[in-house]
Amino acid sequence: MKVIKVDPEKCTQCHTCDFWCGVEIGSVSKELNSAILETPQPVPRVHVDGNSYPLHCRHCEIAPCVDACPNGSMRRDPQTGLVYVHEPSCIACWMCVMVCPFGVIAPSSEMHVAVKCDRCRHMEYPICVEVCPTRALVVEDREEGSAWYGFAPNRDF
């Protein structure tokens, strides 16, 4: 499976990735000028908090968010392996938010759903990677067994 990686040497924390993620993924209009005026405001699925680097979902091999979801709204796409939120069935209980060890799932109380990066699964290529001005974001193959991308296979939850 392919995942988004950040090169900290190139990232300037410019917020271009989360800005355009909000417009492309979180807005109804998909247009910059219209998205600014939308209510509720578009919510990006990529988070750049303070002086940190962009935080994306790791699509963990053993995903605590999927296991913790009481009604199956947090799902794994069987074809791609990507973890996503089935928003129509999300009950905003925030269990997924509480158990995510990477802090990449956010509660959206205005939308009444959990929001997280699904690597733009409806698009050909992730918008954050496409718009990154320094090319700090790249899509690469997941390294098998890498703890950075998920939990060690023998860890119990």
Foldseek 3Di string as FASTA:
>chain_A
DKDKDFQVVQDPLPCPLQLLQQLCPFAPVSDDVVQVVDPPRGGGQWDRPDPRGIDAALLAPDQVLQVQQPPRQFDADPVPSFTAGVLVPAQLPCSSCVPPPRNRWDGDPRSRHIGHDRQPVVDPGRPSCVRPPRNRMDMDDDDPQDVVRHHHPVDDD
